C-alpha atoms as a PDB file:
ATOM      1  CA  UNK A   1      70.546  66.358  92.637  1.00  0.00           C
ATOM      2  CA  UNK A   2      66.834  66.515  91.793  1.00  0.00           C
ATOM      3  CA  UNK A   3      66.103  63.948  94.473  1.00  0.00           C
ATOM      4  CA  UNK A   4      68.008  66.035  97.031  1.00  0.00           C
ATOM      5  CA  UNK A   5      66.141  69.211  96.067  1.00  0.00           C
ATOM      6  CA  UNK A   6      62.836  67.346  96.197  1.00  0.00           C
ATOM      7  CA  UNK A   7      63.666  66.026  99.672  1.00  0.00           C
ATOM      8  CA  UNK A   8      64.620  69.538 100.805  1.00  0.00           C
ATOM      9  CA  UNK A   9      61.364  70.954  99.421  1.00  0.00           C
ATOM     10  CA  UNK A  10      59.342  68.231 101.144  1.00  0.00           C
ATOM     11  CA  UNK A  11      61.158  68.881 104.416  1.00  0.00           C
ATOM     12  CA  UNK A  12      60.554  72.644 104.101  1.00  0.00           C
ATOM     13  CA  UNK A  13      56.874  72.175 103.320  1.00  0.00           C
ATOM     14  CA  UNK A  14      56.493  69.689 106.161  1.00  0.00           C
ATOM     15  CA  UNK A  15      58.212  72.092 108.587  1.00  0.00           C
ATOM     16  CA  UNK A  16      56.003  74.983 107.474  1.00  0.00           C
ATOM     17  CA  UNK A  17      52.907  72.809 107.825  1.00  0.00           C
ATOM     18  CA  UNK A  18      53.904  71.767 111.353  1.00  0.00           C
ATOM     19  CA  UNK A  19      54.669  75.372 112.316  1.00  0.00           C
ATOM     20  CA  UNK A  20      51.347  76.517 110.932  1.00  0.00           C
ATOM     21  CA  UNK A  21      49.507  73.762 112.811  1.00  0.00           C
ATOM     22  CA  UNK A  22      51.189  74.795 116.080  1.00  0.00           C
ATOM     23  CA  UNK A  23      50.410  78.462 115.457  1.00  0.00           C
ATOM     24  CA  UNK A  24      46.772  77.636 114.679  1.00  0.00           C
ATOM     25  CA  UNK A  25      46.600  75.617 117.913  1.00  0.00           C
ATOM     26  CA  UNK A  26      47.997  78.558 119.882  1.00  0.00           C
ATOM     27  CA  UNK A  27      45.542  80.984 118.258  1.00  0.00           C
ATOM     28  CA  UNK A  28      42.708  78.592 119.006  1.00  0.00           C
ATOM     29  CA  UNK A  29      43.742  78.417 122.676  1.00  0.00           C
ATOM     30  CA  UNK A  30      44.096  82.190 122.975  1.00  0.00           C
ATOM     31  CA  UNK A  31      41.250  83.505 120.848  1.00  0.00           C
ATOM     32  CA  UNK A  32      38.877  80.547 120.666  1.00  0.00           C
ATOM     33  CA  UNK A  33      38.815  80.386 116.865  1.00  0.00           C
ATOM     34  CA  UNK A  34      41.175  79.853 113.977  1.00  0.00           C
ATOM     35  CA  UNK A  35      41.010  80.847 110.359  1.00  0.00           C
ATOM     36  CA  UNK A  36      42.310  78.205 107.989  1.00  0.00           C
ATOM     37  CA  UNK A  37      44.671  79.913 105.562  1.00  0.00           C
ATOM     38  CA  UNK A  38      44.553  79.054 101.827  1.00  0.00           C
ATOM     39  CA  UNK A  39      47.486  77.218 100.280  1.00  0.00           C
ATOM     40  CA  UNK A  40      50.202  79.703  99.227  1.00  0.00           C
ATOM     41  CA  UNK A  41      53.836  79.380  98.130  1.00  0.00           C
ATOM     42  CA  UNK A  42      56.324  78.361 100.816  1.00  0.00           C
ATOM     43  CA  UNK A  43      58.147  81.722 101.061  1.00  0.00           C
ATOM     44  CA  UNK A  44      54.919  83.695 101.370  1.00  0.00           C
ATOM     45  CA  UNK A  45      53.573  81.173 103.830  1.00  0.00           C
ATOM     46  CA  UNK A  46      56.735  81.544 105.953  1.00  0.00           C
ATOM     47  CA  UNK A  47      56.410  85.331 105.854  1.00  0.00           C
ATOM     48  CA  UNK A  48      52.757  85.147 106.935  1.00  0.00           C
ATOM     49  CA  UNK A  49      53.642  82.715 109.714  1.00  0.00           C
ATOM     50  CA  UNK A  50      56.413  85.014 110.946  1.00  0.00           C
ATOM     51  CA  UNK A  51      54.051  88.006 110.789  1.00  0.00           C
ATOM     52  CA  UNK A  52      51.327  86.194 112.754  1.00  0.00           C
ATOM     53  CA  UNK A  53      53.872  84.912 115.262  1.00  0.00           C
ATOM     54  CA  UNK A  54      55.197  88.471 115.700  1.00  0.00           C
ATOM     55  CA  UNK A  55      51.657  89.734 116.388  1.00  0.00           C
ATOM     56  CA  UNK A  56      51.195  86.926 118.894  1.00  0.00           C
ATOM     57  CA  UNK A  57      54.420  87.914 120.682  1.00  0.00           C
ATOM     58  CA  UNK A  58      53.357  91.575 120.775  1.00  0.00           C
ATOM     59  CA  UNK A  59      49.965  90.773 122.285  1.00  0.00           C
ATOM     60  CA  UNK A  60      51.206  88.186 124.770  1.00  0.00           C
ATOM     61  CA  UNK A  61      54.251  89.540 126.586  1.00  0.00           C
ATOM     62  CA  UNK A  62      54.744  86.241 128.408  1.00  0.00           C
ATOM     63  CA  UNK A  63      55.546  84.452 125.157  1.00  0.00           C
ATOM     64  CA  UNK A  64      58.034  87.141 124.175  1.00  0.00           C
ATOM     65  CA  UNK A  65      59.768  86.770 127.561  1.00  0.00           C
ATOM     66  CA  UNK A  66      59.819  82.988 127.189  1.00  0.00           C
ATOM     67  CA  UNK A  67      61.357  83.313 123.723  1.00  0.00           C
ATOM     68  CA  UNK A  68      64.053  85.641 125.092  1.00  0.00           C
ATOM     69  CA  UNK A  69      64.751  83.171 127.885  1.00  0.00           C
ATOM     70  CA  UNK A  70      64.932  80.308 125.389  1.00  0.00           C
ATOM     71  CA  UNK A  71      67.416  82.219 123.239  1.00  0.00           C
ATOM     72  CA  UNK A  72      69.626  83.153 126.203  1.00  0.00           C
ATOM     73  CA  UNK A  73      69.363  79.833 128.156  1.00  0.00           C
ATOM     74  CA  UNK A  74      68.461  77.000 125.759  1.00  0.00           C
ATOM     75  CA  UNK A  75      69.566  74.325 128.253  1.00  0.00           C
ATOM     76  CA  UNK A  76      66.619  75.190 130.492  1.00  0.00           C
ATOM     77  CA  UNK A  77      64.248  73.844 127.852  1.00  0.00           C
ATOM     78  CA  UNK A  78      66.397  70.829 126.936  1.00  0.00           C
ATOM     79  CA  UNK A  79      67.513  69.242 130.192  1.00  0.00           C
ATOM     80  CA  UNK A  80      70.254  66.629 130.054  1.00  0.00           C
ATOM     81  CA  UNK A  81      69.251  62.966 130.289  1.00  0.00           C
ATOM     82  CA  UNK A  82      68.785  61.620 133.830  1.00  0.00           C
ATOM     83  CA  UNK A  83      71.896  59.476 133.542  1.00  0.00           C
ATOM     84  CA  UNK A  84      74.097  62.574 133.241  1.00  0.00           C
ATOM     85  CA  UNK A  85      74.683  64.741 136.329  1.00  0.00           C
ATOM     86  CA  UNK A  86      73.976  68.482 136.021  1.00  0.00           C
ATOM     87  CA  UNK A  87      76.995  70.239 134.575  1.00  0.00           C
ATOM     88  CA  UNK A  88      76.411  73.413 136.626  1.00  0.00           C
ATOM     89  CA  UNK A  89      77.205  71.729 139.950  1.00  0.00           C
ATOM     90  CA  UNK A  90      80.565  70.358 141.084  1.00  0.00           C
ATOM     91  CA  UNK A  91      80.819  66.714 142.086  1.00  0.00           C
ATOM     92  CA  UNK A  92      81.110  67.539 145.826  1.00  0.00           C
ATOM     93  CA  UNK A  93      77.875  69.519 145.742  1.00  0.00           C
ATOM     94  CA  UNK A  94      76.066  66.664 143.984  1.00  0.00           C
ATOM     95  CA  UNK A  95      77.419  64.176 146.535  1.00  0.00           C
ATOM     96  CA  UNK A  96      76.216  66.428 149.411  1.00  0.00           C
ATOM     97  CA  UNK A  97      72.716  66.673 147.882  1.00  0.00           C
ATOM     98  CA  UNK A  98      72.444  62.900 147.447  1.00  0.00           C
ATOM     99  CA  UNK A  99      73.731  62.163 150.955  1.00  0.00           C
ATOM    100  CA  UNK A 100      71.403  64.750 152.514  1.00  0.00           C
ATOM    101  CA  UNK A 101      68.394  63.077 150.889  1.00  0.00           C
ATOM    102  CA  UNK A 102      69.596  59.499 151.475  1.00  0.00           C
ATOM    103  CA  UNK A 103      67.505  59.027 154.611  1.00  0.00           C
ATOM    104  CA  UNK A 104      64.282  59.750 152.707  1.00  0.00           C
ATOM    105  CA  UNK A 105      64.862  57.042 150.077  1.00  0.00           C
ATOM    106  CA  UNK A 106      63.701  54.075 152.240  1.00  0.00           C
ATOM    107  CA  UNK A 107      60.626  55.999 153.404  1.00  0.00           C
ATOM    108  CA  UNK A 108      59.762  56.931 149.828  1.00  0.00           C
ATOM    109  CA  UNK A 109      60.265  53.335 148.668  1.00  0.00           C
ATOM    110  CA  UNK A 110      58.059  52.091 151.516  1.00  0.00           C
ATOM    111  CA  UNK A 111      55.328  54.628 150.640  1.00  0.00           C
ATOM    112  CA  UNK A 112      55.442  53.612 146.982  1.00  0.00           C
ATOM    113  CA  UNK A 113      55.224  49.940 147.954  1.00  0.00           C
ATOM    114  CA  UNK A 114      52.238  50.684 150.195  1.00  0.00           C
ATOM    115  CA  UNK A 115      50.531  52.480 147.326  1.00  0.00           C
ATOM    116  CA  UNK A 116      51.137  49.590 144.962  1.00  0.00           C
ATOM    117  CA  UNK A 117      49.848  47.150 147.628  1.00  0.00           C
ATOM    118  CA  UNK A 118      46.647  49.133 148.169  1.00  0.00           C
ATOM    119  CA  UNK A 119      43.799  47.246 146.527  1.00  0.00           C
ATOM    120  CA  UNK A 120      41.751  49.012 143.890  1.00  0.00           C
ATOM    121  CA  UNK A 121      38.092  49.365 144.946  1.00  0.00           C
ATOM    122  CA  UNK A 122      35.678  46.979 143.334  1.00  0.00           C
ATOM    123  CA  UNK A 123      34.046  48.589 140.273  1.00  0.00           C
ATOM    124  CA  UNK A 124      30.727  47.061 141.304  1.00  0.00           C
ATOM    125  CA  UNK A 125      30.758  49.132 144.516  1.00  0.00           C
ATOM    126  CA  UNK A 126      31.472  52.282 142.522  1.00  0.00           C
ATOM    127  CA  UNK A 127      28.641  51.439 140.123  1.00  0.00           C
ATOM    128  CA  UNK A 128      26.312  50.877 143.085  1.00  0.00           C
ATOM    129  CA  UNK A 129      27.244  54.266 144.512  1.00  0.00           C
ATOM    130  CA  UNK A 130      26.612  55.848 141.115  1.00  0.00           C
ATOM    131  CA  UNK A 131      23.121  54.300 140.975  1.00  0.00           C
ATOM    132  CA  UNK A 132      22.413  55.612 144.489  1.00  0.00           C
ATOM    133  CA  UNK A 133      23.294  59.176 143.497  1.00  0.00           C
ATOM    134  CA  UNK A 134      19.736  60.138 142.354  1.00  0.00           C
ATOM    135  CA  UNK A 135      18.304  58.817 145.626  1.00  0.00           C
ATOM    136  CA  UNK A 136      20.909  60.739 147.610  1.00  0.00           C
ATOM    137  CA  UNK A 137      19.990  63.910 145.709  1.00  0.00           C
ATOM    138  CA  UNK A 138      16.318  63.254 146.467  1.00  0.00           C
ATOM    139  CA  UNK A 139      17.109  62.791 150.169  1.00  0.00           C
ATOM    140  CA  UNK A 140      19.111  66.019 150.132  1.00  0.00           C
ATOM    141  CA  UNK A 141      16.167  67.872 148.551  1.00  0.00           C
ATOM    142  CA  UNK A 142      13.838  66.395 151.203  1.00  0.00           C
ATOM    143  CA  UNK A 143      16.197  67.518 153.969  1.00  0.00           C
ATOM    144  CA  UNK A 144      16.328  71.033 152.536  1.00  0.00           C
ATOM    145  CA  UNK A 145      12.506  71.140 152.371  1.00  0.00           C
ATOM    146  CA  UNK A 146      12.284  69.888 155.968  1.00  0.00           C
ATOM    147  CA  UNK A 147      14.802  72.493 157.114  1.00  0.00           C
ATOM    148  CA  UNK A 148      12.742  75.231 155.434  1.00  0.00           C
ATOM    149  CA  UNK A 149       9.549  73.889 157.053  1.00  0.00           C
ATOM    150  CA  UNK A 150      11.237  73.742 160.481  1.00  0.00           C
ATOM    151  CA  UNK A 151      12.439  77.325 160.067  1.00  0.00           C
ATOM    152  CA  UNK A 152       8.884  78.426 159.168  1.00  0.00           C
ATOM    153  CA  UNK A 153       7.416  76.541 162.163  1.00  0.00           C
ATOM    154  CA  UNK A 154      10.031  78.115 164.448  1.00  0.00           C
ATOM    155  CA  UNK A 155       9.121  81.595 163.185  1.00  0.00           C
ATOM    156  CA  UNK A 156       5.395  80.898 163.649  1.00  0.00           C
ATOM    157  CA  UNK A 157       5.978  79.485 167.168  1.00  0.00           C
ATOM    158  CA  UNK A 158       7.998  82.555 168.066  1.00  0.00           C
ATOM    159  CA  UNK A 159       5.184  84.816 166.823  1.00  0.00           C
ATOM    160  CA  UNK A 160       2.599  82.839 168.860  1.00  0.00           C
ATOM    161  CA  UNK A 161       4.726  82.997 172.043  1.00  0.00           C
ATOM    162  CA  UNK A 162       5.326  86.733 171.565  1.00  0.00           C
ATOM    163  CA  UNK A 163       1.602  87.361 171.022  1.00  0.00           C
ATOM    164  CA  UNK A 164       0.706  85.264 174.128  1.00  0.00           C
ATOM    165  CA  UNK A 165       3.296  87.111 176.197  1.00  0.00           C
ATOM    166  CA  UNK A 166       2.261  90.580 175.029  1.00  0.00           C
ATOM    167  CA  UNK A 167      -1.477  89.971 175.150  1.00  0.00           C
ATOM    168  CA  UNK A 168      -1.991  87.562 178.057  1.00  0.00           C
ATOM    169  CA  UNK A 169       1.057  87.735 180.346  1.00  0.00           C
ATOM    170  CA  UNK A 170       1.443  91.508 180.142  1.00  0.00           C
ATOM    171  CA  UNK A 171      -2.320  92.003 180.548  1.00  0.00           C
ATOM    172  CA  UNK A 172      -2.306  89.728 183.601  1.00  0.00           C
ATOM    173  CA  UNK A 173       0.676  91.604 185.021  1.00  0.00           C
ATOM    174  CA  UNK A 174      -1.168  94.897 184.514  1.00  0.00           C
ATOM    175  CA  UNK A 175      -4.248  93.435 186.229  1.00  0.00           C
ATOM    176  CA  UNK A 176      -2.171  92.214 189.209  1.00  0.00           C
ATOM    177  CA  UNK A 177      -0.449  95.595 189.459  1.00  0.00           C
ATOM    178  CA  UNK A 178      -3.848  97.310 189.467  1.00  0.00           C
ATOM    179  CA  UNK A 179      -5.199  94.969 192.195  1.00  0.00           C
ATOM    180  CA  UNK A 180      -2.072  95.526 194.312  1.00  0.00           C
ATOM    181  CA  UNK A 181      -2.355  99.286 194.013  1.00  0.00           C
ATOM    182  CA  UNK A 182      -6.052  99.133 195.034  1.00  0.00           C
ATOM    183  CA  UNK A 183      -5.181  96.872 197.989  1.00  0.00           C
ATOM    184  CA  UNK A 184      -2.460  99.301 199.088  1.00  0.00           C
ATOM    185  CA  UNK A 185      -4.896 102.205 198.876  1.00  0.00           C
ATOM    186  CA  UNK A 186      -7.475 100.266 200.881  1.00  0.00           C
ATOM    187  CA  UNK A 187      -4.840  99.387 203.516  1.00  0.00           C
ATOM    188  CA  UNK A 188      -3.828 103.048 203.819  1.00  0.00           C
ATOM    189  CA  UNK A 189      -7.471 104.039 204.197  1.00  0.00           C
ATOM    190  CA  UNK A 190      -8.032 101.384 206.903  1.00  0.00           C
ATOM    191  CA  UNK A 191      -4.919 102.512 208.817  1.00  0.00           C
ATOM    192  CA  UNK A 192      -6.033 106.132 208.617  1.00  0.00           C
ATOM    193  CA  UNK A 193      -9.491 105.242 209.956  1.00  0.00           C
ATOM    194  CA  UNK A 194      -7.991 103.173 212.806  1.00  0.00           C
ATOM    195  CA  UNK A 195      -5.615 106.001 213.715  1.00  0.00           C
ATOM    196  CA  UNK A 196      -8.528 108.456 213.778  1.00  0.00           C
ATOM    197  CA  UNK A 197     -10.497 106.110 216.118  1.00  0.00           C
ATOM    198  CA  UNK A 198      -7.536 105.744 218.438  1.00  0.00           C
ATOM    199  CA  UNK A 199      -7.091 109.510 218.662  1.00  0.00           C
ATOM    200  CA  UNK A 200     -10.769 109.977 219.585  1.00  0.00           C
END
């Protein structure tokens, strides 16, 4: 009898310890820290665990919904072994599903065979690529610096062309326009003088 009670106590303490470890893991995932609780009697420890689990369910509604789903549909979380067909479907429906997917089995087997036949790359090549990584980063930095320099040269060239156009080309155009207007005035004057001579 004492041995049985001792075994029951050990099982209870082990269960509480496992539950507490899982709860501490959950709190660590959610809050980023855990507080190690001091050793207390089993009943009090169970009450504290239930209280902390209740707080966790209140704060995280998803867990409460999952617990409700687990209580109402426990088979969802414990699927039957693969050798047993699903009990929810009749045999005709299972046969139709298998026959509908039968054509994809050879293709899947062929793809899996091709994957298993694909050789694994040589680790030496991977190591060589890893050693080249610093050089590649250096080349990338050089390319970025060259791109920045090219952009600066393009901006400076554009400024030079604009200045040449505004200062030289436009000034020359203004000069030509002025010469043409003077030539036109001179031509009008010459025509007027010739007309006056002809009238005399």
